[in-house]
């Protein structure tokens, strides 16, 4: 139960950070991507801050086998760029650019009652379901 409470507060802190930085506003994202118009660099600053925190967090995590809550710590093992990563990144970027949302801000915006975010999250969940079904079928075809 302690893990769930900690997860809740970490998620709440993340959501508050998204709200305070303005990243729940799709206009911020679209303004960042509009290089030919009124470019808004604020997203780059938020990304830079996240990358800086991530560099230190992942370097510390590589030295550990357990999280600070005592749970097994498993980091991704893949070290190379493959077709699936490139295609997935392109799809993520296209959705981000079209909607102005990525998953975290969309969930926060949905909880705040933004109807565009509700549609985005529902579409995202459908896409995740389609991926899972396709993965299971591909694995079953490999076994057969």
N, C-alpha and C. Protein backbone atom coordinates (compact mmCIF):
# COMPACT_ATOMS: atom_id res chain seq x y z
N UNK A 1 0.82 -1.19 0.00
CA UNK A 1 0.00 0.00 0.00
C UNK A 1 0.87 1.26 0.00
N UNK A 2 2.00 1.21 0.70
CA UNK A 2 2.89 2.38 0.78
C UNK A 2 3.36 2.77 -0.61
N UNK A 3 3.61 1.77 -1.48
CA UNK A 3 4.06 2.07 -2.84
C UNK A 3 3.01 2.85 -3.60
N UNK A 4 1.76 2.48 -3.45
CA UNK A 4 0.67 3.15 -4.17
C UNK A 4 0.53 4.60 -3.70
N UNK A 5 0.68 4.83 -2.41
CA UNK A 5 0.59 6.20 -1.89
C UNK A 5 1.75 7.03 -2.46
N UNK A 6 2.93 6.45 -2.47
CA UNK A 6 4.10 7.16 -3.02
C UNK A 6 3.90 7.43 -4.51
N UNK A 7 3.40 6.42 -5.23
CA UNK A 7 3.14 6.60 -6.67
C UNK A 7 2.12 7.72 -6.89
N UNK A 8 1.09 7.77 -6.06
CA UNK A 8 0.09 8.82 -6.19
C UNK A 8 0.72 10.19 -6.02
N UNK A 9 1.53 10.36 -4.99
CA UNK A 9 2.12 11.67 -4.74
C UNK A 9 3.15 12.06 -5.80
N UNK A 10 3.89 11.10 -6.32
CA UNK A 10 4.82 11.39 -7.42
C UNK A 10 4.04 11.81 -8.66
N UNK A 11 2.95 11.10 -8.96
CA UNK A 11 2.09 11.48 -10.09
C UNK A 11 1.47 12.84 -9.90
N UNK A 12 1.03 13.13 -8.68
CA UNK A 12 0.46 14.44 -8.37
C UNK A 12 1.50 15.54 -8.57
N UNK A 13 2.71 15.31 -8.11
CA UNK A 13 3.79 16.28 -8.30
C UNK A 13 4.08 16.50 -9.78
N UNK A 14 4.11 15.41 -10.56
CA UNK A 14 4.32 15.51 -12.00
C UNK A 14 3.21 16.32 -12.65
N UNK A 15 1.96 16.03 -12.30
CA UNK A 15 0.83 16.76 -12.85
C UNK A 15 0.87 18.24 -12.50
N UNK A 16 1.20 18.55 -11.26
CA UNK A 16 1.31 19.96 -10.87
C UNK A 16 2.42 20.67 -11.64
N UNK A 17 3.53 19.95 -11.86
CA UNK A 17 4.62 20.53 -12.66
C UNK A 17 4.18 20.82 -14.08
N UNK A 18 3.39 19.91 -14.66
CA UNK A 18 2.87 20.14 -16.02
C UNK A 18 1.95 21.35 -16.05
N UNK A 19 1.10 21.48 -15.03
CA UNK A 19 0.18 22.62 -14.98
C UNK A 19 0.96 23.92 -14.81
N UNK A 20 1.89 23.95 -13.86
CA UNK A 20 2.65 25.18 -13.59
C UNK A 20 3.50 25.61 -14.78
N UNK A 21 4.02 24.64 -15.53
CA UNK A 21 4.87 24.98 -16.68
C UNK A 21 4.04 25.30 -17.92
N UNK A 22 2.73 25.12 -17.85
CA UNK A 22 1.86 25.40 -18.98
C UNK A 22 1.82 24.31 -20.02
N UNK A 23 2.38 23.14 -19.72
CA UNK A 23 2.48 22.08 -20.72
C UNK A 23 1.17 21.33 -20.94
N UNK A 24 0.13 21.66 -20.16
CA UNK A 24 -1.18 21.06 -20.42
C UNK A 24 -1.95 21.86 -21.46
N UNK A 25 -1.38 22.95 -21.92
CA UNK A 25 -2.00 23.78 -22.96
C UNK A 25 -1.47 23.34 -24.31
N UNK A 26 -2.32 22.73 -25.16
CA UNK A 26 -1.85 22.29 -26.48
C UNK A 26 -1.25 23.42 -27.30
N UNK A 27 -1.69 24.65 -27.04
CA UNK A 27 -1.15 25.80 -27.77
C UNK A 27 0.34 26.00 -27.53
N UNK A 28 0.81 25.64 -26.33
CA UNK A 28 2.25 25.73 -26.02
C UNK A 28 3.04 24.78 -26.91
N UNK A 29 2.55 23.55 -27.02
CA UNK A 29 3.24 22.55 -27.84
C UNK A 29 3.22 22.97 -29.30
N UNK A 30 2.05 23.36 -29.77
CA UNK A 30 1.94 23.76 -31.17
C UNK A 30 2.77 25.02 -31.45
N UNK A 31 2.86 25.92 -30.47
CA UNK A 31 3.71 27.11 -30.61
C UNK A 31 5.18 26.74 -30.70
N UNK A 32 5.58 25.71 -29.98
CA UNK A 32 6.97 25.24 -30.05
C UNK A 32 7.27 24.64 -31.41
N UNK A 33 6.30 23.92 -31.97
CA UNK A 33 6.51 23.25 -33.26
C UNK A 33 6.35 24.20 -34.45
N UNK A 34 5.83 25.39 -34.23
CA UNK A 34 5.61 26.36 -35.30
C UNK A 34 6.88 27.19 -35.51
N UNK A 35 7.84 26.62 -36.20
CA UNK A 35 9.12 27.31 -36.41
C UNK A 35 9.00 28.51 -37.35
N UNK A 36 8.01 28.49 -38.23
CA UNK A 36 7.86 29.57 -39.21
C UNK A 36 7.01 30.71 -38.67
N UNK A 37 6.31 30.51 -37.55
CA UNK A 37 5.43 31.53 -37.01
C UNK A 37 6.00 32.14 -35.75
N UNK A 38 5.15 32.30 -34.76
CA UNK A 38 5.56 32.84 -33.46
C UNK A 38 6.07 31.69 -32.59
N UNK A 39 7.34 31.36 -32.76
CA UNK A 39 7.92 30.23 -32.06
C UNK A 39 7.96 30.49 -30.57
N UNK A 40 7.54 29.50 -29.78
CA UNK A 40 7.53 29.59 -28.31
C UNK A 40 8.57 28.60 -27.77
N UNK A 41 9.71 29.09 -27.27
CA UNK A 41 10.78 28.19 -26.82
C UNK A 41 10.57 27.59 -25.43
N UNK A 42 9.47 27.90 -24.76
CA UNK A 42 9.31 27.45 -23.38
C UNK A 42 9.31 25.93 -23.24
N UNK A 43 8.79 25.22 -24.23
CA UNK A 43 8.81 23.75 -24.17
C UNK A 43 10.25 23.23 -24.20
N UNK A 44 11.10 23.88 -24.94
CA UNK A 44 12.51 23.47 -24.99
C UNK A 44 13.15 23.60 -23.61
N UNK A 45 12.78 24.63 -22.88
CA UNK A 45 13.32 24.81 -21.52
C UNK A 45 12.81 23.72 -20.59
N UNK A 46 11.53 23.37 -20.71
CA UNK A 46 10.97 22.30 -19.88
C UNK A 46 11.64 20.97 -20.23
N UNK A 47 11.81 20.71 -21.54
CA UNK A 47 12.49 19.48 -21.96
C UNK A 47 13.93 19.44 -21.46
N UNK A 48 14.62 20.56 -21.56
CA UNK A 48 16.00 20.62 -21.09
C UNK A 48 16.10 20.31 -19.60
N UNK A 49 15.17 20.86 -18.82
CA UNK A 49 15.15 20.56 -17.38
C UNK A 49 14.87 19.09 -17.12
N UNK A 50 13.95 18.50 -17.89
CA UNK A 50 13.63 17.08 -17.72
C UNK A 50 14.81 16.20 -18.10
N UNK A 51 15.50 16.56 -19.16
CA UNK A 51 16.67 15.78 -19.59
C UNK A 51 17.77 15.86 -18.54
N UNK A 52 17.98 17.05 -17.99
CA UNK A 52 19.02 17.21 -16.95
C UNK A 52 18.71 16.34 -15.74
N UNK A 53 17.46 16.34 -15.30
CA UNK A 53 17.07 15.50 -14.16
C UNK A 53 17.23 14.03 -14.54
N UNK A 54 16.80 13.66 -15.75
CA UNK A 54 16.88 12.28 -16.20
C UNK A 54 18.29 11.74 -16.28
N UNK A 55 19.22 12.58 -16.73
CA UNK A 55 20.62 12.13 -16.83
C UNK A 55 21.14 11.71 -15.46
N UNK A 56 20.89 12.54 -14.45
CA UNK A 56 21.36 12.19 -13.11
C UNK A 56 20.59 11.02 -12.52
N UNK A 57 19.29 10.98 -12.76
CA UNK A 57 18.46 9.89 -12.21
C UNK A 57 18.86 8.54 -12.81
N UNK A 58 19.05 8.49 -14.14
CA UNK A 58 19.41 7.22 -14.76
C UNK A 58 20.83 6.80 -14.41
N UNK A 59 21.74 7.76 -14.26
CA UNK A 59 23.10 7.36 -13.87
C UNK A 59 23.10 6.80 -12.46
N UNK A 60 22.27 7.34 -11.58
CA UNK A 60 22.16 6.79 -10.23
C UNK A 60 21.46 5.43 -10.25
N UNK A 61 20.43 5.30 -11.09
CA UNK A 61 19.66 4.06 -11.16
C UNK A 61 20.50 2.90 -11.69
N UNK A 62 21.43 3.18 -12.61
CA UNK A 62 22.27 2.12 -13.17
C UNK A 62 23.12 1.43 -12.11
N UNK A 63 23.36 2.12 -11.02
CA UNK A 63 24.21 1.58 -9.96
C UNK A 63 23.42 0.80 -8.91
N UNK A 64 22.10 0.73 -9.10
CA UNK A 64 21.24 0.11 -8.09
C UNK A 64 20.52 -1.10 -8.66
N UNK A 65 20.13 -2.02 -7.79
CA UNK A 65 19.30 -3.14 -8.21
C UNK A 65 17.90 -3.02 -7.62
N UNK A 66 17.75 -2.16 -6.61
CA UNK A 66 16.45 -1.92 -5.98
C UNK A 66 16.13 -0.44 -6.03
N UNK A 67 14.84 -0.12 -6.14
CA UNK A 67 14.43 1.28 -6.08
C UNK A 67 14.54 1.76 -4.64
N UNK A 68 14.30 3.05 -4.43
CA UNK A 68 14.36 3.57 -3.07
C UNK A 68 13.23 3.02 -2.19
N UNK A 69 12.20 2.45 -2.83
CA UNK A 69 11.11 1.83 -2.08
C UNK A 69 11.31 0.33 -1.89
N UNK A 70 12.46 -0.19 -2.37
CA UNK A 70 12.79 -1.59 -2.18
C UNK A 70 12.25 -2.53 -3.24
N UNK A 71 11.78 -2.01 -4.35
CA UNK A 71 11.24 -2.82 -5.44
C UNK A 71 12.35 -3.07 -6.46
N UNK A 72 12.32 -4.25 -7.13
CA UNK A 72 13.31 -4.54 -8.16
C UNK A 72 13.34 -3.43 -9.19
N UNK A 73 14.53 -3.01 -9.56
CA UNK A 73 14.73 -1.93 -10.52
C UNK A 73 15.21 -2.54 -11.83
N UNK A 74 14.37 -2.45 -12.85
CA UNK A 74 14.71 -3.01 -14.16
C UNK A 74 14.70 -1.90 -15.20
N UNK A 75 15.85 -1.59 -15.72
CA UNK A 75 15.98 -0.58 -16.77
C UNK A 75 15.94 -1.26 -18.13
N UNK A 76 15.53 -0.52 -19.16
CA UNK A 76 15.54 -1.12 -20.51
C UNK A 76 16.91 -1.64 -20.88
N UNK A 77 16.95 -2.80 -21.52
CA UNK A 77 18.22 -3.41 -21.87
C UNK A 77 18.68 -3.13 -23.29
N UNK A 78 17.74 -2.73 -24.15
CA UNK A 78 18.08 -2.52 -25.56
C UNK A 78 18.96 -1.28 -25.71
N UNK A 79 20.05 -1.42 -26.45
CA UNK A 79 21.01 -0.33 -26.62
C UNK A 79 21.10 0.18 -28.05
N UNK A 80 20.30 -0.38 -28.97
CA UNK A 80 20.43 0.03 -30.37
C UNK A 80 19.09 0.59 -30.89
N UNK A 81 19.19 1.36 -31.94
CA UNK A 81 18.02 1.95 -32.58
C UNK A 81 17.56 1.00 -33.68
N UNK A 82 16.29 0.58 -33.62
CA UNK A 82 15.77 -0.33 -34.63
C UNK A 82 14.54 0.29 -35.30
N UNK A 83 13.99 -0.44 -36.24
CA UNK A 83 12.85 0.05 -37.02
C UNK A 83 11.65 0.34 -36.12
N UNK A 84 11.37 -0.52 -35.19
CA UNK A 84 10.23 -0.31 -34.29
C UNK A 84 10.36 0.98 -33.50
N UNK A 85 11.57 1.28 -33.02
CA UNK A 85 11.79 2.52 -32.27
C UNK A 85 11.57 3.74 -33.15
N UNK A 86 12.10 3.71 -34.37
CA UNK A 86 11.97 4.84 -35.29
C UNK A 86 10.50 5.05 -35.68
N UNK A 87 9.81 3.97 -36.05
CA UNK A 87 8.40 4.09 -36.46
C UNK A 87 7.55 4.56 -35.27
N UNK A 88 7.78 4.00 -34.11
CA UNK A 88 7.03 4.43 -32.92
C UNK A 88 7.28 5.89 -32.58
N UNK A 89 8.52 6.33 -32.70
CA UNK A 89 8.85 7.73 -32.44
C UNK A 89 8.18 8.65 -33.43
N UNK A 90 8.16 8.25 -34.70
CA UNK A 90 7.49 9.06 -35.72
C UNK A 90 5.99 9.14 -35.46
N UNK A 91 5.39 8.04 -35.07
CA UNK A 91 3.95 8.05 -34.77
C UNK A 91 3.66 8.91 -33.54
N UNK A 92 4.49 8.81 -32.53
CA UNK A 92 4.32 9.62 -31.33
C UNK A 92 4.43 11.10 -31.69
N UNK A 93 5.45 11.45 -32.45
CA UNK A 93 5.66 12.84 -32.83
C UNK A 93 4.54 13.39 -33.69
N UNK A 94 4.02 12.57 -34.61
CA UNK A 94 2.91 13.01 -35.46
C UNK A 94 1.67 13.27 -34.61
N UNK A 95 1.37 12.37 -33.70
CA UNK A 95 0.21 12.57 -32.82
C UNK A 95 0.38 13.79 -31.93
N UNK A 96 1.57 13.98 -31.44
CA UNK A 96 1.89 15.12 -30.58
C UNK A 96 1.70 16.42 -31.35
N UNK A 97 2.20 16.45 -32.58
CA UNK A 97 2.10 17.65 -33.39
C UNK A 97 0.68 17.94 -33.84
N UNK A 98 -0.10 16.91 -34.13
CA UNK A 98 -1.48 17.11 -34.56
C UNK A 98 -2.39 17.53 -33.42
N UNK A 99 -2.22 16.90 -32.26
CA UNK A 99 -3.13 17.14 -31.14
C UNK A 99 -2.61 18.18 -30.15
N UNK A 100 -1.29 18.32 -30.06
CA UNK A 100 -0.72 19.21 -29.06
C UNK A 100 -0.62 18.58 -27.69
N UNK A 101 -0.89 17.28 -27.61
CA UNK A 101 -0.82 16.55 -26.34
C UNK A 101 0.16 15.40 -26.47
N UNK A 102 0.82 15.05 -25.37
CA UNK A 102 1.46 13.76 -25.23
C UNK A 102 0.79 13.12 -24.01
N UNK A 103 1.06 11.87 -23.69
CA UNK A 103 0.25 11.17 -22.69
C UNK A 103 0.13 11.85 -21.32
N UNK A 104 1.23 12.29 -20.73
CA UNK A 104 1.15 12.90 -19.40
C UNK A 104 0.26 14.13 -19.35
N UNK A 105 0.55 15.14 -20.15
CA UNK A 105 -0.31 16.33 -20.16
C UNK A 105 -1.76 16.02 -20.56
N UNK A 106 -1.96 15.03 -21.43
CA UNK A 106 -3.33 14.68 -21.83
C UNK A 106 -4.12 14.15 -20.63
N UNK A 107 -3.49 13.32 -19.81
CA UNK A 107 -4.18 12.79 -18.63
C UNK A 107 -4.51 13.91 -17.64
N UNK A 108 -3.58 14.83 -17.45
CA UNK A 108 -3.83 15.96 -16.54
C UNK A 108 -4.94 16.84 -17.10
N UNK A 109 -4.89 17.12 -18.40
CA UNK A 109 -5.92 17.95 -19.03
C UNK A 109 -7.29 17.27 -19.01
N UNK A 110 -7.30 15.96 -19.18
CA UNK A 110 -8.55 15.21 -19.11
C UNK A 110 -9.15 15.33 -17.71
N UNK A 111 -8.32 15.18 -16.69
CA UNK A 111 -8.80 15.29 -15.32
C UNK A 111 -9.32 16.70 -15.03
N UNK A 112 -8.80 17.70 -15.76
CA UNK A 112 -9.27 19.08 -15.60
C UNK A 112 -10.52 19.35 -16.42
N UNK A 113 -10.97 18.35 -17.20
CA UNK A 113 -12.21 18.49 -17.93
C UNK A 113 -12.11 18.98 -19.36
N UNK A 114 -10.91 18.98 -19.94
CA UNK A 114 -10.77 19.39 -21.34
C UNK A 114 -11.27 18.29 -22.26
N UNK A 115 -12.31 18.58 -23.05
CA UNK A 115 -12.90 17.54 -23.89
C UNK A 115 -11.93 17.05 -24.97
N UNK A 116 -11.07 17.95 -25.50
CA UNK A 116 -10.08 17.50 -26.49
C UNK A 116 -9.16 16.44 -25.90
N UNK A 117 -8.83 16.62 -24.63
CA UNK A 117 -7.94 15.66 -23.97
C UNK A 117 -8.63 14.32 -23.79
N UNK A 118 -9.94 14.34 -23.51
CA UNK A 118 -10.68 13.09 -23.36
C UNK A 118 -10.60 12.30 -24.66
N UNK A 119 -10.85 12.96 -25.79
CA UNK A 119 -10.77 12.29 -27.09
C UNK A 119 -9.37 11.76 -27.36
N UNK A 120 -8.37 12.55 -27.00
CA UNK A 120 -6.98 12.12 -27.20
C UNK A 120 -6.69 10.86 -26.38
N UNK A 121 -7.07 10.87 -25.11
CA UNK A 121 -6.78 9.72 -24.23
C UNK A 121 -7.54 8.48 -24.70
N UNK A 122 -8.80 8.63 -25.10
CA UNK A 122 -9.56 7.49 -25.61
C UNK A 122 -8.87 6.93 -26.87
N UNK A 123 -8.46 7.82 -27.77
CA UNK A 123 -7.77 7.38 -28.99
C UNK A 123 -6.45 6.70 -28.65
N UNK A 124 -5.73 7.25 -27.68
CA UNK A 124 -4.46 6.66 -27.26
C UNK A 124 -4.67 5.25 -26.70
N UNK A 125 -5.70 5.08 -25.89
CA UNK A 125 -5.99 3.76 -25.32
C UNK A 125 -6.39 2.76 -26.41
N UNK A 126 -7.15 3.20 -27.39
CA UNK A 126 -7.51 2.32 -28.50
C UNK A 126 -6.25 1.92 -29.27
N UNK A 127 -5.36 2.88 -29.50
CA UNK A 127 -4.10 2.57 -30.18
C UNK A 127 -3.26 1.57 -29.40
N UNK A 128 -3.23 1.71 -28.07
CA UNK A 128 -2.49 0.78 -27.23
C UNK A 128 -3.10 -0.61 -27.30
N UNK A 129 -4.42 -0.68 -27.33
CA UNK A 129 -5.10 -1.97 -27.43
C UNK A 129 -4.81 -2.63 -28.78
N UNK A 130 -4.86 -1.86 -29.85
CA UNK A 130 -4.54 -2.40 -31.18
C UNK A 130 -3.10 -2.93 -31.20
N UNK A 131 -2.17 -2.19 -30.60
CA UNK A 131 -0.78 -2.64 -30.54
C UNK A 131 -0.67 -3.97 -29.80
N UNK A 132 -1.33 -4.08 -28.64
CA UNK A 132 -1.25 -5.32 -27.85
C UNK A 132 -1.79 -6.50 -28.64
N UNK A 133 -2.93 -6.32 -29.31
CA UNK A 133 -3.52 -7.40 -30.10
C UNK A 133 -2.56 -7.80 -31.23
N UNK A 134 -2.00 -6.81 -31.92
CA UNK A 134 -1.06 -7.10 -33.02
C UNK A 134 0.19 -7.80 -32.51
N UNK A 135 0.71 -7.39 -31.35
CA UNK A 135 1.89 -8.03 -30.76
C UNK A 135 1.61 -9.49 -30.43
N UNK A 136 0.48 -9.75 -29.83
CA UNK A 136 0.13 -11.12 -29.45
C UNK A 136 -0.02 -12.00 -30.68
N UNK A 137 -0.63 -11.44 -31.72
CA UNK A 137 -0.79 -12.22 -32.96
C UNK A 137 0.57 -12.49 -33.59
N UNK A 138 1.46 -11.51 -33.58
CA UNK A 138 2.80 -11.70 -34.17
C UNK A 138 3.58 -12.74 -33.37
N UNK A 139 3.47 -12.71 -32.04
CA UNK A 139 4.17 -13.71 -31.23
C UNK A 139 3.58 -15.10 -31.44
N UNK A 140 2.27 -15.18 -31.58
CA UNK A 140 1.63 -16.49 -31.82
C UNK A 140 2.03 -17.04 -33.18
N UNK A 141 2.18 -16.15 -34.16
CA UNK A 141 2.58 -16.60 -35.50
C UNK A 141 4.02 -17.10 -35.49
N UNK A 142 4.88 -16.50 -34.67
CA UNK A 142 6.28 -16.94 -34.57
C UNK A 142 6.37 -18.31 -33.92
N UNK A 143 5.52 -18.57 -32.94
CA UNK A 143 5.53 -19.85 -32.23
C UNK A 143 5.01 -20.97 -33.11
N UNK A 144 3.99 -20.65 -33.92
CA UNK A 144 3.36 -21.68 -34.77
C UNK A 144 4.21 -22.09 -35.93
